[in-house]
Protein backbone atom coordinates (compact mmCIF):
# COMPACT_ATOMS: atom_id res chain seq x y z
CA UNK A 1 -15.76 11.14 -6.70
CA UNK A 2 -16.36 10.83 -10.39
CA UNK A 3 -13.74 8.91 -12.29
CA UNK A 4 -13.31 9.70 -15.95
CA UNK A 5 -12.52 7.10 -18.56
CA UNK A 6 -8.92 6.07 -18.55
CA UNK A 7 -6.89 5.76 -21.70
CA UNK A 8 -5.00 2.54 -22.32
CA UNK A 9 -1.69 2.93 -20.48
CA UNK A 10 -0.28 -0.57 -20.39
CA UNK A 11 2.95 0.03 -22.29
CA UNK A 12 6.00 -1.20 -20.37
CA UNK A 13 8.01 1.91 -21.26
CA UNK A 14 5.42 4.34 -19.81
CA UNK A 15 6.47 5.84 -16.49
CA UNK A 16 4.74 5.09 -13.23
CA UNK A 17 3.67 8.75 -13.11
CA UNK A 18 1.06 7.99 -15.81
CA UNK A 19 -0.64 5.55 -13.48
CA UNK A 20 0.19 6.66 -9.95
CA UNK A 21 -2.69 6.75 -7.49
CA UNK A 22 -2.36 10.09 -5.71
CA UNK A 23 -5.37 9.68 -3.41
CA UNK A 24 -4.79 6.92 -0.91
CA UNK A 25 -5.16 5.93 2.71
CA UNK A 26 -2.14 5.85 5.01
CA UNK A 27 -1.39 5.39 8.70
CA UNK A 28 1.03 6.96 11.15
CA UNK A 29 3.59 4.87 13.03
CA UNK A 30 1.94 5.56 16.41
CA UNK A 31 -1.47 4.21 15.34
CA UNK A 32 -2.42 0.77 16.61
CA UNK A 33 -2.65 -2.40 14.57
CA UNK A 34 -6.32 -2.49 15.48
CA UNK A 35 -6.80 0.89 13.76
CA UNK A 36 -4.79 -0.26 10.74
CA UNK A 37 -6.75 -3.52 10.55
CA UNK A 38 -10.05 -1.63 10.61
CA UNK A 39 -8.87 0.77 7.90
CA UNK A 40 -7.81 -2.12 5.68
CA UNK A 41 -11.08 -3.93 6.16
CA UNK A 42 -13.22 -0.84 5.52
CA UNK A 43 -11.23 0.27 2.48
CA UNK A 44 -10.87 -3.33 1.25
CA UNK A 45 -7.11 -2.98 0.79
CA UNK A 46 -4.14 -5.15 1.73
CA UNK A 47 -1.34 -2.61 2.16
CA UNK A 48 -0.88 0.72 3.89
CA UNK A 49 1.95 3.18 3.54
CA UNK A 50 3.16 4.44 6.91
CA UNK A 51 3.68 8.19 6.72
CA UNK A 52 5.00 10.79 9.12
CA UNK A 53 5.08 14.48 8.16
CA UNK A 54 4.51 13.55 4.50
CA UNK A 55 7.49 11.20 4.45
CA UNK A 56 7.31 7.46 3.84
CA UNK A 57 8.70 5.71 6.91
CA UNK A 58 7.44 2.18 6.25
CA UNK A 59 4.72 -0.06 4.88
CA UNK A 60 2.27 -2.35 6.62
CA UNK A 61 0.54 -5.28 4.98
CA UNK A 62 -2.49 -7.29 5.99
CA UNK A 63 -0.13 -10.24 6.30
CA UNK A 64 1.91 -8.31 8.91
CA UNK A 65 -1.24 -7.84 10.99
CA UNK A 66 -2.14 -11.52 10.64
CA UNK A 67 1.33 -12.56 11.79
CA UNK A 68 1.08 -10.26 14.82
CA UNK A 69 -2.32 -11.67 15.73
CA UNK A 70 -1.72 -15.33 15.07
CA UNK A 71 1.55 -15.45 16.94
CA UNK A 72 -0.20 -15.06 20.27
CA UNK A 73 -3.88 -15.60 19.65
CA UNK A 74 -4.38 -18.91 17.93
CA UNK A 75 -7.03 -20.05 20.38
CA UNK A 76 -8.52 -16.78 21.64
CA UNK A 77 -11.80 -15.12 20.78
CA UNK A 78 -12.34 -11.98 18.68
CA UNK A 79 -12.46 -9.67 21.71
CA UNK A 80 -9.08 -10.86 22.94
CA UNK A 81 -7.67 -10.43 19.42
CA UNK A 82 -8.90 -6.82 19.32
CA UNK A 83 -7.38 -6.10 22.73
CA UNK A 84 -4.10 -7.60 21.58
CA UNK A 85 -4.00 -5.51 18.37
CA UNK A 86 -4.94 -2.39 20.32
CA UNK A 87 -1.73 -2.79 22.32
CA UNK A 88 0.62 -2.94 19.31
CA UNK A 89 1.66 0.14 17.34
CA UNK A 90 2.10 0.15 13.58
CA UNK A 91 5.75 1.16 14.16
CA UNK A 92 6.42 -2.18 15.89
CA UNK A 93 5.36 -4.24 12.88
CA UNK A 94 5.86 -2.12 9.75
CA UNK A 95 8.63 -2.68 7.22
CA UNK A 96 11.02 0.22 7.77
CA UNK A 97 12.85 0.02 4.45
CA UNK A 98 10.08 -0.58 1.93
CA UNK A 99 10.62 -1.20 -1.74
CA UNK A 100 9.61 1.90 -3.69
CA UNK A 101 9.39 3.40 -7.16
CA UNK A 102 9.98 6.94 -8.35
CA UNK A 103 7.80 8.84 -10.76
CA UNK A 104 10.23 8.02 -13.58
CA UNK A 105 10.25 4.25 -12.94
CA UNK A 106 8.73 2.50 -15.95
CA UNK A 107 5.57 0.42 -15.59
CA UNK A 108 7.55 -2.58 -16.84
CA UNK A 109 10.19 -2.12 -14.16
CA UNK A 110 7.52 -1.63 -11.49
CA UNK A 111 5.68 -4.79 -12.58
CA UNK A 112 8.90 -6.85 -12.69
CA UNK A 113 9.92 -5.58 -9.23
CA UNK A 114 6.52 -6.43 -7.76
CA UNK A 115 6.56 -9.91 -9.32
CA UNK A 116 10.15 -10.61 -8.25
CA UNK A 117 9.53 -9.45 -4.67
CA UNK A 118 6.01 -10.93 -4.49
CA UNK A 119 4.48 -7.66 -3.29
CA UNK A 120 1.13 -6.11 -4.19
CA UNK A 121 2.02 -2.42 -4.35
CA UNK A 122 4.83 0.06 -4.59
CA UNK A 123 4.84 3.43 -2.86
CA UNK A 124 5.87 6.10 -5.38
CA UNK A 125 8.29 8.53 -3.79
CA UNK A 126 10.10 11.73 -4.60
CA UNK A 127 13.53 11.79 -2.94
CA UNK A 128 14.08 14.81 -0.72
CA UNK A 129 16.68 16.12 1.69
CA UNK A 130 14.69 14.94 4.73
CA UNK A 131 13.65 11.59 3.31
CA UNK A 132 11.38 10.20 0.64
CA UNK A 133 8.16 12.18 0.12
CA UNK A 134 5.26 9.87 -0.64
CA UNK A 135 3.48 11.10 -3.79
CA UNK A 136 1.29 8.09 -4.53
CA UNK A 137 0.96 4.36 -4.97
CA UNK A 138 0.87 1.88 -7.81
CA UNK A 139 -0.86 -1.43 -7.15
CA UNK A 140 -1.04 -4.72 -8.97
CA UNK A 141 -4.69 -3.89 -9.70
CA UNK A 142 -3.63 -0.61 -11.32
CA UNK A 143 -1.18 -2.43 -13.59
CA UNK A 144 -3.72 -5.09 -14.55
CA UNK A 145 -6.38 -2.47 -15.25
CA UNK A 146 -4.02 -0.40 -17.40
CA UNK A 147 -2.89 -3.40 -19.42
CA UNK A 148 -6.12 -5.33 -19.85
CA UNK A 149 -9.20 -3.45 -18.64
CA UNK A 150 -8.75 0.32 -19.09
CA UNK A 151 -12.51 0.95 -19.01
CA UNK A 152 -13.07 -0.98 -15.76
CA UNK A 153 -14.12 1.48 -13.06
CA UNK A 154 -14.68 -0.37 -9.81
CA UNK A 155 -14.25 1.64 -6.61
CA UNK A 156 -13.40 -1.44 -4.50
CA UNK A 157 -9.66 -1.22 -5.01
């Protein structure tokens, strides 16, 4: 995918919609932690929105997977860890009421919320009658890039 040059967007009063990442990886609640762990490692990401029928139902972080693994596997080998993660669904570990932003949330508000809550991303949602529709994500990397490195195009995030 070719990425065009980005204009400088780092103004605090700009809305999240100017920066929202609309192409992202997500998981379903029934997937296993092993699947989620593999996706995170391959995509080199630390957070996954959990989506069902286009609706945000939770978020899963790399830290959540580590907590699930470490709790029972401190002295086991990699094979036993994989078997353990294969037996746990994303739904068992995900955060069911994630912090979110809407398309009209300002970048300043999003950044302050992420700093205050010590989180690395915010799902951007559009409220609907059947729940919040996930329309994209904004990450700490997106905010840093917009504010300080608008010409930095690295596909690793």
